[in-house]
Protein backbone atom coordinates (compact mmCIF):
# COMPACT_ATOMS: atom_id res chain seq x y z
CA UNK A 1 -5.79 -14.16 12.69
CA UNK A 2 -6.55 -11.05 14.76
CA UNK A 3 -3.09 -11.12 16.32
CA UNK A 4 -1.49 -11.40 12.86
CA UNK A 5 -3.55 -8.43 11.65
CA UNK A 6 -2.43 -6.37 14.63
CA UNK A 7 1.23 -7.09 13.81
CA UNK A 8 0.65 -5.78 10.27
CA UNK A 9 -1.13 -2.69 11.56
CA UNK A 10 1.70 -1.99 14.02
CA UNK A 11 4.30 -2.41 11.25
CA UNK A 12 2.39 -0.04 8.97
CA UNK A 13 2.11 2.57 11.73
CA UNK A 14 5.83 2.29 12.49
CA UNK A 15 6.70 2.92 8.85
CA UNK A 16 4.19 5.75 8.60
CA UNK A 17 5.70 7.47 11.63
CA UNK A 18 9.21 7.03 10.21
CA UNK A 19 8.24 9.41 7.40
CA UNK A 20 10.87 10.00 4.71
CA UNK A 21 13.10 7.30 6.16
CA UNK A 22 10.46 4.69 5.22
CA UNK A 23 10.28 5.64 1.51
CA UNK A 24 12.96 3.15 0.33
CA UNK A 25 11.28 0.30 2.20
CA UNK A 26 7.81 1.30 0.96
CA UNK A 27 9.22 1.28 -2.59
CA UNK A 28 10.58 -2.22 -2.00
CA UNK A 29 7.17 -3.32 -0.73
CA UNK A 30 5.58 -2.12 -3.97
CA UNK A 31 7.80 -4.55 -5.86
CA UNK A 32 7.33 -7.46 -3.45
CA UNK A 33 6.08 -10.87 -4.47
CA UNK A 34 3.39 -10.57 -1.79
CA UNK A 35 0.18 -8.81 -2.89
CA UNK A 36 -0.58 -7.34 0.55
CA UNK A 37 2.95 -5.94 0.71
CA UNK A 38 2.45 -4.23 -2.67
CA UNK A 39 -0.83 -2.73 -1.43
CA UNK A 40 0.72 -1.49 1.82
CA UNK A 41 3.71 -0.12 -0.07
CA UNK A 42 1.68 2.05 -2.44
CA UNK A 43 -0.55 3.30 0.36
CA UNK A 44 2.54 4.33 2.33
CA UNK A 45 4.16 6.01 -0.67
CA UNK A 46 0.98 7.91 -1.49
CA UNK A 47 1.14 9.55 1.91
CA UNK A 48 4.90 9.90 2.25
CA UNK A 49 6.30 10.74 -1.19
CA UNK A 50 4.03 11.74 -4.08
CA UNK A 51 6.75 11.41 -6.72
CA UNK A 52 7.70 7.93 -5.56
CA UNK A 53 4.03 6.90 -5.63
CA UNK A 54 3.68 8.21 -9.19
CA UNK A 55 6.79 6.21 -10.21
CA UNK A 56 5.45 2.97 -8.72
CA UNK A 57 1.87 3.22 -9.99
CA UNK A 58 2.67 1.91 -13.52
CA UNK A 59 4.19 -1.24 -11.98
CA UNK A 60 0.89 -1.94 -10.23
CA UNK A 61 -1.52 -1.03 -13.05
CA UNK A 62 -1.67 -4.63 -14.31
CA UNK A 63 -1.83 -6.24 -10.87
CA UNK A 64 -5.16 -8.05 -10.72
CA UNK A 65 -4.25 -10.04 -7.60
CA UNK A 66 -7.05 -9.89 -5.06
CA UNK A 67 -6.49 -9.12 -1.40
CA UNK A 68 -9.07 -8.79 1.36
CA UNK A 69 -9.35 -5.26 2.74
CA UNK A 70 -10.77 -5.14 6.24
CA UNK A 71 -13.02 -2.34 7.37
CA UNK A 72 -13.78 -3.14 10.96
CA UNK A 73 -14.92 -6.75 10.91
CA UNK A 74 -16.02 -6.72 7.27
CA UNK A 75 -13.66 -8.01 4.60
CA UNK A 76 -14.02 -6.81 1.02
CA UNK A 77 -12.00 -8.22 -1.89
CA UNK A 78 -10.07 -5.63 -3.90
CA UNK A 79 -7.31 -5.95 -6.47
CA UNK A 80 -3.91 -4.45 -5.83
CA UNK A 81 -4.53 -2.33 -8.95
CA UNK A 82 -7.72 -0.89 -7.40
CA UNK A 83 -5.93 -0.14 -4.14
CA UNK A 84 -3.08 1.54 -6.02
CA UNK A 85 -5.46 3.66 -8.06
CA UNK A 86 -7.53 4.70 -5.05
CA UNK A 87 -4.53 5.52 -2.87
CA UNK A 88 -2.81 7.57 -5.57
CA UNK A 89 -5.93 9.26 -6.96
CA UNK A 90 -5.40 12.46 -4.98
CA UNK A 91 -1.67 12.38 -5.75
CA UNK A 92 -2.27 12.19 -9.51
CA UNK A 93 -4.79 15.01 -9.52
CA UNK A 94 -2.37 17.40 -7.80
């Protein structure tokens, strides 16, 4: 499990460092069938492209799928909707 988590973290960091070039892929992630992919996608967009994040938020507003968000060694369940709202909160207020 820890190795799998590290692969996801490395992939996220790679996309984050790619900047604007990662926006199309992050948008695709927001529309993925995989809940964790949707969560990662909106988090990426929130930091990379505010307008793209605002466009994707409505697609995630009804997403009540639960994912486990790790903070250190503690896992907390959160819905994709909650993650989307939290990650775009600063974007929407600007």
